[in-house]
């Protein structure tokens, strides 16, 4: 996802409501989200579906890394040799 451009990517709900097709095209073309405001406060984000999916995958990966780090800190890690044996055993089955 590309960095937000404040002057182009923050829009009031009234403007989005009347030109939603244009904003969907903008999000798709630029790969940047559009922040939707109501009464001057942000209330929603319009995001390209592929960008959303990529963001979800990154979050899942980071969550897995965080779990692994936590397990290592608790001494629940597996040394390289043992992990290799486990992987090879699964492949051969």
PDB file of N, CA and C in Angstrom:
ATOM      1  N   UNK A   1       0.852  -1.168   0.000  1.00  0.00           N
ATOM      2  CA  UNK A   1       0.000   0.000   0.000  1.00  0.00           C
ATOM      3  C   UNK A   1       0.896   1.229   0.000  1.00  0.00           C
ATOM      4  N   UNK A   2       0.555   2.162  -0.819  1.00  0.00           N
ATOM      5  CA  UNK A   2       1.327   3.397  -0.918  1.00  0.00           C
ATOM      6  C   UNK A   2       0.949   4.362   0.189  1.00  0.00           C
ATOM      7  N   UNK A   3       1.848   5.301   0.442  1.00  0.00           N
ATOM      8  CA  UNK A   3       1.642   6.298   1.493  1.00  0.00           C
ATOM      9  C   UNK A   3       0.489   7.231   1.132  1.00  0.00           C
ATOM     10  N   UNK A   4      -0.292   7.548   2.131  1.00  0.00           N
ATOM     11  CA  UNK A   4      -1.437   8.436   2.002  1.00  0.00           C
ATOM     12  C   UNK A   4      -0.994   9.843   1.609  1.00  0.00           C
ATOM     13  N   UNK A   5      -1.717  10.464   0.691  1.00  0.00           N
ATOM     14  CA  UNK A   5      -1.493  11.865   0.332  1.00  0.00           C
ATOM     15  C   UNK A   5      -2.667  12.655   0.908  1.00  0.00           C
ATOM     16  N   UNK A   6      -2.387  13.386   1.953  1.00  0.00           N
ATOM     17  CA  UNK A   6      -3.434  14.047   2.728  1.00  0.00           C
ATOM     18  C   UNK A   6      -4.320  14.942   1.872  1.00  0.00           C
ATOM     19  N   UNK A   7      -3.740  15.668   0.934  1.00  0.00           N
ATOM     20  CA  UNK A   7      -4.533  16.592   0.118  1.00  0.00           C
ATOM     21  C   UNK A   7      -5.419  15.887  -0.900  1.00  0.00           C
ATOM     22  N   UNK A   8      -5.159  14.602  -1.169  1.00  0.00           N
ATOM     23  CA  UNK A   8      -5.934  13.878  -2.175  1.00  0.00           C
ATOM     24  C   UNK A   8      -6.760  12.729  -1.602  1.00  0.00           C
ATOM     25  N   UNK A   9      -6.381  12.225  -0.434  1.00  0.00           N
ATOM     26  CA  UNK A   9      -6.946  10.967   0.037  1.00  0.00           C
ATOM     27  C   UNK A   9      -7.815  11.072   1.283  1.00  0.00           C
ATOM     28  N   UNK A  10      -8.141  12.257   1.710  1.00  0.00           N
ATOM     29  CA  UNK A  10      -9.070  12.442   2.819  1.00  0.00           C
ATOM     30  C   UNK A  10     -10.273  13.194   2.273  1.00  0.00           C
ATOM     31  N   UNK A  11     -11.423  12.539   2.339  1.00  0.00           N
ATOM     32  CA  UNK A  11     -12.621  13.095   1.708  1.00  0.00           C
ATOM     33  C   UNK A  11     -13.815  13.018   2.652  1.00  0.00           C
ATOM     34  N   UNK A  12     -14.677  14.038   2.609  1.00  0.00           N
ATOM     35  CA  UNK A  12     -15.899  13.988   3.417  1.00  0.00           C
ATOM     36  C   UNK A  12     -16.894  12.974   2.843  1.00  0.00           C
ATOM     37  N   UNK A  13     -17.678  12.406   3.723  1.00  0.00           N
ATOM     38  CA  UNK A  13     -18.665  11.403   3.326  1.00  0.00           C
ATOM     39  C   UNK A  13     -19.601  11.930   2.242  1.00  0.00           C
ATOM     40  N   UNK A  14     -20.013  13.174   2.323  1.00  0.00           N
ATOM     41  CA  UNK A  14     -20.933  13.731   1.320  1.00  0.00           C
ATOM     42  C   UNK A  14     -20.317  13.679  -0.075  1.00  0.00           C
ATOM     43  N   UNK A  15     -19.007  13.949  -0.175  1.00  0.00           N
ATOM     44  CA  UNK A  15     -18.321  13.908  -1.465  1.00  0.00           C
ATOM     45  C   UNK A  15     -18.185  12.468  -1.964  1.00  0.00           C
ATOM     46  N   UNK A  16     -17.871  11.552  -1.060  1.00  0.00           N
ATOM     47  CA  UNK A  16     -17.735  10.139  -1.438  1.00  0.00           C
ATOM     48  C   UNK A  16     -19.085   9.587  -1.876  1.00  0.00           C
ATOM     49  N   UNK A  17     -20.121   9.946  -1.163  1.00  0.00           N
ATOM     50  CA  UNK A  17     -21.468   9.452  -1.467  1.00  0.00           C
ATOM     51  C   UNK A  17     -21.886   9.804  -2.895  1.00  0.00           C
ATOM     52  N   UNK A  18     -21.555  11.002  -3.338  1.00  0.00           N
ATOM     53  CA  UNK A  18     -21.984  11.435  -4.673  1.00  0.00           C
ATOM     54  C   UNK A  18     -21.057  10.950  -5.784  1.00  0.00           C
ATOM     55  N   UNK A  19     -19.838  10.536  -5.441  1.00  0.00           N
ATOM     56  CA  UNK A  19     -18.907  10.120  -6.490  1.00  0.00           C
ATOM     57  C   UNK A  19     -18.175   8.835  -6.161  1.00  0.00           C
ATOM     58  N   UNK A  20     -18.883   7.872  -5.572  1.00  0.00           N
ATOM     59  CA  UNK A  20     -18.246   6.649  -5.095  1.00  0.00           C
ATOM     60  C   UNK A  20     -17.483   5.913  -6.202  1.00  0.00           C
ATOM     61  N   UNK A  21     -18.024   5.872  -7.395  1.00  0.00           N
ATOM     62  CA  UNK A  21     -17.334   5.173  -8.495  1.00  0.00           C
ATOM     63  C   UNK A  21     -15.966   5.788  -8.769  1.00  0.00           C
ATOM     64  N   UNK A  22     -15.882   7.103  -8.706  1.00  0.00           N
ATOM     65  CA  UNK A  22     -14.598   7.782  -8.920  1.00  0.00           C
ATOM     66  C   UNK A  22     -13.593   7.444  -7.823  1.00  0.00           C
ATOM     67  N   UNK A  23     -14.078   7.338  -6.589  1.00  0.00           N
ATOM     68  CA  UNK A  23     -13.168   7.027  -5.484  1.00  0.00           C
ATOM     69  C   UNK A  23     -12.720   5.568  -5.520  1.00  0.00           C
ATOM     70  N   UNK A  24     -13.599   4.691  -5.946  1.00  0.00           N
ATOM     71  CA  UNK A  24     -13.204   3.282  -6.113  1.00  0.00           C
ATOM     72  C   UNK A  24     -12.123   3.182  -7.181  1.00  0.00           C
ATOM     73  N   UNK A  25     -12.287   3.914  -8.275  1.00  0.00           N
ATOM     74  CA  UNK A  25     -11.272   3.925  -9.336  1.00  0.00           C
ATOM     75  C   UNK A  25      -9.962   4.506  -8.816  1.00  0.00           C
ATOM     76  N   UNK A  26     -10.041   5.593  -8.058  1.00  0.00           N
ATOM     77  CA  UNK A  26      -8.841   6.218  -7.496  1.00  0.00           C
ATOM     78  C   UNK A  26      -8.082   5.229  -6.602  1.00  0.00           C
ATOM     79  N   UNK A  27      -8.791   4.552  -5.730  1.00  0.00           N
ATOM     80  CA  UNK A  27      -8.169   3.591  -4.817  1.00  0.00           C
ATOM     81  C   UNK A  27      -7.520   2.455  -5.601  1.00  0.00           C
ATOM     82  N   UNK A  28      -8.222   1.990  -6.616  1.00  0.00           N
ATOM     83  CA  UNK A  28      -7.682   0.906  -7.448  1.00  0.00           C
ATOM     84  C   UNK A  28      -6.441   1.359  -8.215  1.00  0.00           C
ATOM     85  N   UNK A  29      -6.496   2.529  -8.803  1.00  0.00           N
ATOM     86  CA  UNK A  29      -5.393   3.025  -9.632  1.00  0.00           C
ATOM     87  C   UNK A  29      -4.161   3.423  -8.817  1.00  0.00           C
ATOM     88  N   UNK A  30      -4.374   4.083  -7.682  1.00  0.00           N
ATOM     89  CA  UNK A  30      -3.246   4.605  -6.904  1.00  0.00           C
ATOM     90  C   UNK A  30      -2.725   3.631  -5.862  1.00  0.00           C
ATOM     91  N   UNK A  31      -3.540   2.638  -5.494  1.00  0.00           N
ATOM     92  CA  UNK A  31      -3.208   1.690  -4.419  1.00  0.00           C
ATOM     93  C   UNK A  31      -3.081   2.396  -3.068  1.00  0.00           C
ATOM     94  N   UNK A  32      -3.655   3.607  -2.972  1.00  0.00           N
ATOM     95  CA  UNK A  32      -3.681   4.347  -1.721  1.00  0.00           C
ATOM     96  C   UNK A  32      -5.104   4.311  -1.174  1.00  0.00           C
ATOM     97  N   UNK A  33      -5.253   4.255   0.136  1.00  0.00           N
ATOM     98  CA  UNK A  33      -6.601   4.283   0.707  1.00  0.00           C
ATOM     99  C   UNK A  33      -7.193   5.687   0.656  1.00  0.00           C
ATOM    100  N   UNK A  34      -8.499   5.764   0.761  1.00  0.00           N
ATOM    101  CA  UNK A  34      -9.184   7.042   0.923  1.00  0.00           C
ATOM    102  C   UNK A  34      -9.787   7.034   2.324  1.00  0.00           C
ATOM    103  N   UNK A  35      -9.449   8.043   3.097  1.00  0.00           N
ATOM    104  CA  UNK A  35     -10.003   8.205   4.440  1.00  0.00           C
ATOM    105  C   UNK A  35     -11.289   9.001   4.303  1.00  0.00           C
ATOM    106  N   UNK A  36     -12.372   8.454   4.825  1.00  0.00           N
ATOM    107  CA  UNK A  36     -13.682   9.107   4.732  1.00  0.00           C
ATOM    108  C   UNK A  36     -13.976   9.764   6.075  1.00  0.00           C
ATOM    109  N   UNK A  37     -14.341  11.052   6.010  1.00  0.00           N
ATOM    110  CA  UNK A  37     -14.642  11.789   7.235  1.00  0.00           C
ATOM    111  C   UNK A  37     -16.126  12.118   7.315  1.00  0.00           C
ATOM    112  N   UNK A  38     -16.562  12.304   8.552  1.00  0.00           N
ATOM    113  CA  UNK A  38     -17.937  12.742   8.804  1.00  0.00           C
ATOM    114  C   UNK A  38     -17.863  13.741   9.954  1.00  0.00           C
ATOM    115  N   UNK A  39     -18.391  14.921   9.736  1.00  0.00           N
ATOM    116  CA  UNK A  39     -18.316  15.999  10.725  1.00  0.00           C
ATOM    117  C   UNK A  39     -16.869  16.289  11.121  1.00  0.00           C
ATOM    118  N   UNK A  40     -15.961  16.196  10.137  1.00  0.00           N
ATOM    119  CA  UNK A  40     -14.567  16.543  10.357  1.00  0.00           C
ATOM    120  C   UNK A  40     -13.713  15.474  11.021  1.00  0.00           C
ATOM    121  N   UNK A  41     -14.285  14.299  11.283  1.00  0.00           N
ATOM    122  CA  UNK A  41     -13.533  13.222  11.932  1.00  0.00           C
ATOM    123  C   UNK A  41     -13.520  11.988  11.046  1.00  0.00           C
ATOM    124  N   UNK A  42     -12.390  11.280  11.047  1.00  0.00           N
ATOM    125  CA  UNK A  42     -12.303  10.078  10.218  1.00  0.00           C
ATOM    126  C   UNK A  42     -13.231   8.997  10.768  1.00  0.00           C
ATOM    127  N   UNK A  43     -13.968   8.339   9.836  1.00  0.00           N
ATOM    128  CA  UNK A  43     -14.936   7.321  10.242  1.00  0.00           C
ATOM    129  C   UNK A  43     -14.776   6.008   9.481  1.00  0.00           C
ATOM    130  N   UNK A  44     -14.090   6.039   8.330  1.00  0.00           N
ATOM    131  CA  UNK A  44     -13.962   4.824   7.536  1.00  0.00           C
ATOM    132  C   UNK A  44     -12.783   4.966   6.570  1.00  0.00           C
ATOM    133  N   UNK A  45     -12.381   3.807   6.039  1.00  0.00           N
ATOM    134  CA  UNK A  45     -11.296   3.769   5.065  1.00  0.00           C
ATOM    135  C   UNK A  45     -11.772   2.962   3.865  1.00  0.00           C
ATOM    136  N   UNK A  46     -11.604   3.514   2.684  1.00  0.00           N
ATOM    137  CA  UNK A  46     -11.889   2.805   1.438  1.00  0.00           C
ATOM    138  C   UNK A  46     -10.553   2.296   0.923  1.00  0.00           C
ATOM    139  N   UNK A  47     -10.451   0.981   0.744  1.00  0.00           N
ATOM    140  CA  UNK A  47      -9.176   0.355   0.432  1.00  0.00           C
ATOM    141  C   UNK A  47      -9.349  -0.639  -0.708  1.00  0.00           C
ATOM    142  N   UNK A  48      -8.395  -0.679  -1.625  1.00  0.00           N
ATOM    143  CA  UNK A  48      -8.399  -1.646  -2.714  1.00  0.00           C
ATOM    144  C   UNK A  48      -8.421  -3.060  -2.136  1.00  0.00           C
ATOM    145  N   UNK A  49      -9.216  -3.946  -2.694  1.00  0.00           N
ATOM    146  CA  UNK A  49      -9.375  -5.301  -2.167  1.00  0.00           C
ATOM    147  C   UNK A  49      -8.056  -6.073  -2.147  1.00  0.00           C
ATOM    148  N   UNK A  50      -7.244  -5.943  -3.179  1.00  0.00           N
ATOM    149  CA  UNK A  50      -5.943  -6.637  -3.213  1.00  0.00           C
ATOM    150  C   UNK A  50      -5.007  -6.078  -2.149  1.00  0.00           C
ATOM    151  N   UNK A  51      -5.053  -4.780  -1.942  1.00  0.00           N
ATOM    152  CA  UNK A  51      -4.231  -4.161  -0.905  1.00  0.00           C
ATOM    153  C   UNK A  51      -4.675  -4.631   0.479  1.00  0.00           C
ATOM    154  N   UNK A  52      -5.985  -4.761   0.661  1.00  0.00           N
ATOM    155  CA  UNK A  52      -6.516  -5.252   1.934  1.00  0.00           C
ATOM    156  C   UNK A  52      -6.047  -6.682   2.190  1.00  0.00           C
ATOM    157  N   UNK A  53      -6.127  -7.520   1.177  1.00  0.00           N
ATOM    158  CA  UNK A  53      -5.697  -8.909   1.302  1.00  0.00           C
ATOM    159  C   UNK A  53      -4.206  -8.982   1.644  1.00  0.00           C
ATOM    160  N   UNK A  54      -3.387  -8.184   0.976  1.00  0.00           N
ATOM    161  CA  UNK A  54      -1.947  -8.165   1.254  1.00  0.00           C
ATOM    162  C   UNK A  54      -1.685  -7.702   2.691  1.00  0.00           C
ATOM    163  N   UNK A  55      -2.448  -6.727   3.139  1.00  0.00           N
ATOM    164  CA  UNK A  55      -2.298  -6.229   4.500  1.00  0.00           C
ATOM    165  C   UNK A  55      -2.663  -7.320   5.514  1.00  0.00           C
ATOM    166  N   UNK A  56      -3.721  -8.068   5.240  1.00  0.00           N
ATOM    167  CA  UNK A  56      -4.129  -9.163   6.121  1.00  0.00           C
ATOM    168  C   UNK A  56      -3.043 -10.239   6.191  1.00  0.00           C
ATOM    169  N   UNK A  57      -2.442 -10.559   5.046  1.00  0.00           N
ATOM    170  CA  UNK A  57      -1.376 -11.559   5.018  1.00  0.00           C
ATOM    171  C   UNK A  57      -0.172 -11.096   5.841  1.00  0.00           C
ATOM    172  N   UNK A  58       0.171  -9.819   5.730  1.00  0.00           N
ATOM    173  CA  UNK A  58       1.288  -9.276   6.502  1.00  0.00           C
ATOM    174  C   UNK A  58       0.995  -9.328   8.001  1.00  0.00           C
ATOM    175  N   UNK A  59      -0.226  -8.989   8.376  1.00  0.00           N
ATOM    176  CA  UNK A  59      -0.604  -9.039   9.782  1.00  0.00           C
ATOM    177  C   UNK A  59      -0.532 -10.466  10.321  1.00  0.00           C
ATOM    178  N   UNK A  60      -0.987 -11.422   9.520  1.00  0.00           N
ATOM    179  CA  UNK A  60      -0.933 -12.821   9.928  1.00  0.00           C
ATOM    180  C   UNK A  60       0.522 -13.265  10.116  1.00  0.00           C
ATOM    181  N   UNK A  61       1.382 -12.879   9.186  1.00  0.00           N
ATOM    182  CA  UNK A  61       2.797 -13.226   9.283  1.00  0.00           C
ATOM    183  C   UNK A  61       3.418 -12.613  10.540  1.00  0.00           C
ATOM    184  N   UNK A  62       3.147 -11.328  10.780  1.00  0.00           N
ATOM    185  CA  UNK A  62       3.699 -10.663  11.961  1.00  0.00           C
ATOM    186  C   UNK A  62       3.187 -11.294  13.251  1.00  0.00           C
ATOM    187  N   UNK A  63       1.941 -11.716  13.247  1.00  0.00           N
ATOM    188  CA  UNK A  63       1.388 -12.406  14.409  1.00  0.00           C
ATOM    189  C   UNK A  63       2.112 -13.729  14.647  1.00  0.00           C
ATOM    190  N   UNK A  64       2.403 -14.458  13.559  1.00  0.00           N
ATOM    191  CA  UNK A  64       3.149 -15.718  13.677  1.00  0.00           C
ATOM    192  C   UNK A  64       4.554 -15.471  14.215  1.00  0.00           C
ATOM    193  N   UNK A  65       5.197 -14.411  13.752  1.00  0.00           N
ATOM    194  CA  UNK A  65       6.539 -14.072  14.238  1.00  0.00           C
ATOM    195  C   UNK A  65       6.481 -13.728  15.729  1.00  0.00           C
ATOM    196  N   UNK A  66       5.487 -12.957  16.113  1.00  0.00           N
ATOM    197  CA  UNK A  66       5.339 -12.585  17.521  1.00  0.00           C
ATOM    198  C   UNK A  66       5.120 -13.823  18.391  1.00  0.00           C
ATOM    199  N   UNK A  67       4.323 -14.760  17.922  1.00  0.00           N
ATOM    200  CA  UNK A  67       4.099 -16.015  18.648  1.00  0.00           C
ATOM    201  C   UNK A  67       5.400 -16.784  18.779  1.00  0.00           C
ATOM    202  N   UNK A  68       6.172 -16.863  17.690  1.00  0.00           N
ATOM    203  CA  UNK A  68       7.444 -17.589  17.710  1.00  0.00           C
ATOM    204  C   UNK A  68       8.425 -16.950  18.688  1.00  0.00           C
ATOM    205  N   UNK A  69       8.523 -15.636  18.683  1.00  0.00           N
ATOM    206  CA  UNK A  69       9.424 -14.937  19.598  1.00  0.00           C
ATOM    207  C   UNK A  69       9.013 -15.211  21.045  1.00  0.00           C
ATOM    208  N   UNK A  70       7.726 -15.159  21.312  1.00  0.00           N
ATOM    209  CA  UNK A  70       7.219 -15.429  22.656  1.00  0.00           C
ATOM    210  C   UNK A  70       7.559 -16.854  23.090  1.00  0.00           C
ATOM    211  N   UNK A  71       7.397 -17.807  22.176  1.00  0.00           N
ATOM    212  CA  UNK A  71       7.724 -19.193  22.489  1.00  0.00           C
ATOM    213  C   UNK A  71       9.216 -19.350  22.763  1.00  0.00           C
ATOM    214  N   UNK A  72      10.055 -18.692  21.978  1.00  0.00           N
ATOM    215  CA  UNK A  72      11.503 -18.765  22.195  1.00  0.00           C
ATOM    216  C   UNK A  72      11.886 -18.166  23.547  1.00  0.00           C
ATOM    217  N   UNK A  73      11.255 -17.059  23.900  1.00  0.00           N
ATOM    218  CA  UNK A  73      11.545 -16.422  25.185  1.00  0.00           C
ATOM    219  C   UNK A  73      11.167 -17.316  26.361  1.00  0.00           C
ATOM    220  N   UNK A  74      10.179 -18.189  26.151  1.00  0.00           N
ATOM    221  CA  UNK A  74       9.744 -19.118  27.203  1.00  0.00           C
ATOM    222  C   UNK A  74      10.521 -20.435  27.164  1.00  0.00           C
ATOM    223  N   UNK A  75      11.495 -20.514  26.272  1.00  0.00           N
ATOM    224  CA  UNK A  75      12.293 -21.730  26.169  1.00  0.00           C
ATOM    225  C   UNK A  75      11.590 -22.856  25.437  1.00  0.00           C
ATOM    226  N   UNK A  76      10.604 -22.537  24.643  1.00  0.00           N
ATOM    227  CA  UNK A  76       9.831 -23.549  23.933  1.00  0.00           C
ATOM    228  C   UNK A  76      10.312 -23.750  22.502  1.00  0.00           C
ATOM    229  N   UNK A  77      11.478 -23.224  22.183  1.00  0.00           N
ATOM    230  CA  UNK A  77      12.006 -23.342  20.833  1.00  0.00           C
ATOM    231  C   UNK A  77      12.522 -24.739  20.527  1.00  0.00           C
ATOM    232  N   UNK A  78      12.729 -25.014  19.263  1.00  0.00           N
ATOM    233  CA  UNK A  78      13.271 -26.277  18.793  1.00  0.00           C
ATOM    234  C   UNK A  78      14.569 -25.961  18.067  1.00  0.00           C
ATOM    235  N   UNK A  79      15.635 -26.691  18.402  1.00  0.00           N
ATOM    236  CA  UNK A  79      16.906 -26.413  17.732  1.00  0.00           C
ATOM    237  C   UNK A  79      16.838 -26.808  16.262  1.00  0.00           C
ATOM    238  N   UNK A  80      17.761 -26.274  15.481  1.00  0.00           N
ATOM    239  CA  UNK A  80      17.750 -26.446  14.031  1.00  0.00           C
ATOM    240  C   UNK A  80      17.754 -27.923  13.626  1.00  0.00           C
ATOM    241  N   UNK A  81      18.609 -28.705  14.220  1.00  0.00           N
ATOM    242  CA  UNK A  81      18.708 -30.117  13.850  1.00  0.00           C
ATOM    243  C   UNK A  81      17.409 -30.865  14.064  1.00  0.00           C
ATOM    244  N   UNK A  82      16.772 -30.616  15.200  1.00  0.00           N
ATOM    245  CA  UNK A  82      15.500 -31.294  15.493  1.00  0.00           C
ATOM    246  C   UNK A  82      14.394 -30.809  14.545  1.00  0.00           C
ATOM    247  N   UNK A  83      14.371 -29.517  14.279  1.00  0.00           N
ATOM    248  CA  UNK A  83      13.369 -28.978  13.352  1.00  0.00           C
ATOM    249  C   UNK A  83      13.550 -29.588  11.964  1.00  0.00           C
ATOM    250  N   UNK A  84      14.791 -29.710  11.536  1.00  0.00           N
ATOM    251  CA  UNK A  84      15.088 -30.304  10.219  1.00  0.00           C
ATOM    252  C   UNK A  84      14.578 -31.737  10.155  1.00  0.00           C
ATOM    253  N   UNK A  85      14.829 -32.500  11.207  1.00  0.00           N
ATOM    254  CA  UNK A  85      14.359 -33.887  11.263  1.00  0.00           C
ATOM    255  C   UNK A  85      12.839 -33.955  11.157  1.00  0.00           C
ATOM    256  N   UNK A  86      12.159 -33.063  11.865  1.00  0.00           N
ATOM    257  CA  UNK A  86      10.690 -33.051  11.834  1.00  0.00           C
ATOM    258  C   UNK A  86      10.166 -32.735  10.443  1.00  0.00           C
ATOM    259  N   UNK A  87      10.772 -31.762   9.796  1.00  0.00           N
ATOM    260  CA  UNK A  87      10.337 -31.376   8.444  1.00  0.00           C
ATOM    261  C   UNK A  87      10.585 -32.518   7.467  1.00  0.00           C
ATOM    262  N   UNK A  88      11.758 -33.096   7.491  1.00  0.00           N
ATOM    263  CA  UNK A  88      12.061 -34.200   6.584  1.00  0.00           C
ATOM    264  C   UNK A  88      11.151 -35.387   6.814  1.00  0.00           C
ATOM    265  N   UNK A  89      10.823 -35.656   8.053  1.00  0.00           N
ATOM    266  CA  UNK A  89       9.917 -36.764   8.373  1.00  0.00           C
ATOM    267  C   UNK A  89       8.528 -36.523   7.766  1.00  0.00           C
ATOM    268  N   UNK A  90       8.046 -35.280   7.866  1.00  0.00           N
ATOM    269  CA  UNK A  90       6.732 -34.940   7.296  1.00  0.00           C
ATOM    270  C   UNK A  90       6.742 -35.051   5.774  1.00  0.00           C
ATOM    271  N   UNK A  91       7.840 -34.653   5.162  1.00  0.00           N
ATOM    272  CA  UNK A  91       7.939 -34.696   3.697  1.00  0.00           C
ATOM    273  C   UNK A  91       7.927 -36.139   3.206  1.00  0.00           C
ATOM    274  N   UNK A  92       8.582 -37.021   3.931  1.00  0.00           N
ATOM    275  CA  UNK A  92       8.704 -38.414   3.514  1.00  0.00           C
ATOM    276  C   UNK A  92       7.422 -39.215   3.719  1.00  0.00           C
ATOM    277  N   UNK A  93       6.520 -38.712   4.550  1.00  0.00           N
ATOM    278  CA  UNK A  93       5.260 -39.446   4.813  1.00  0.00           C
ATOM    279  C   UNK A  93       4.290 -39.317   3.688  1.00  0.00           C
TER     280      UNK A  93
END
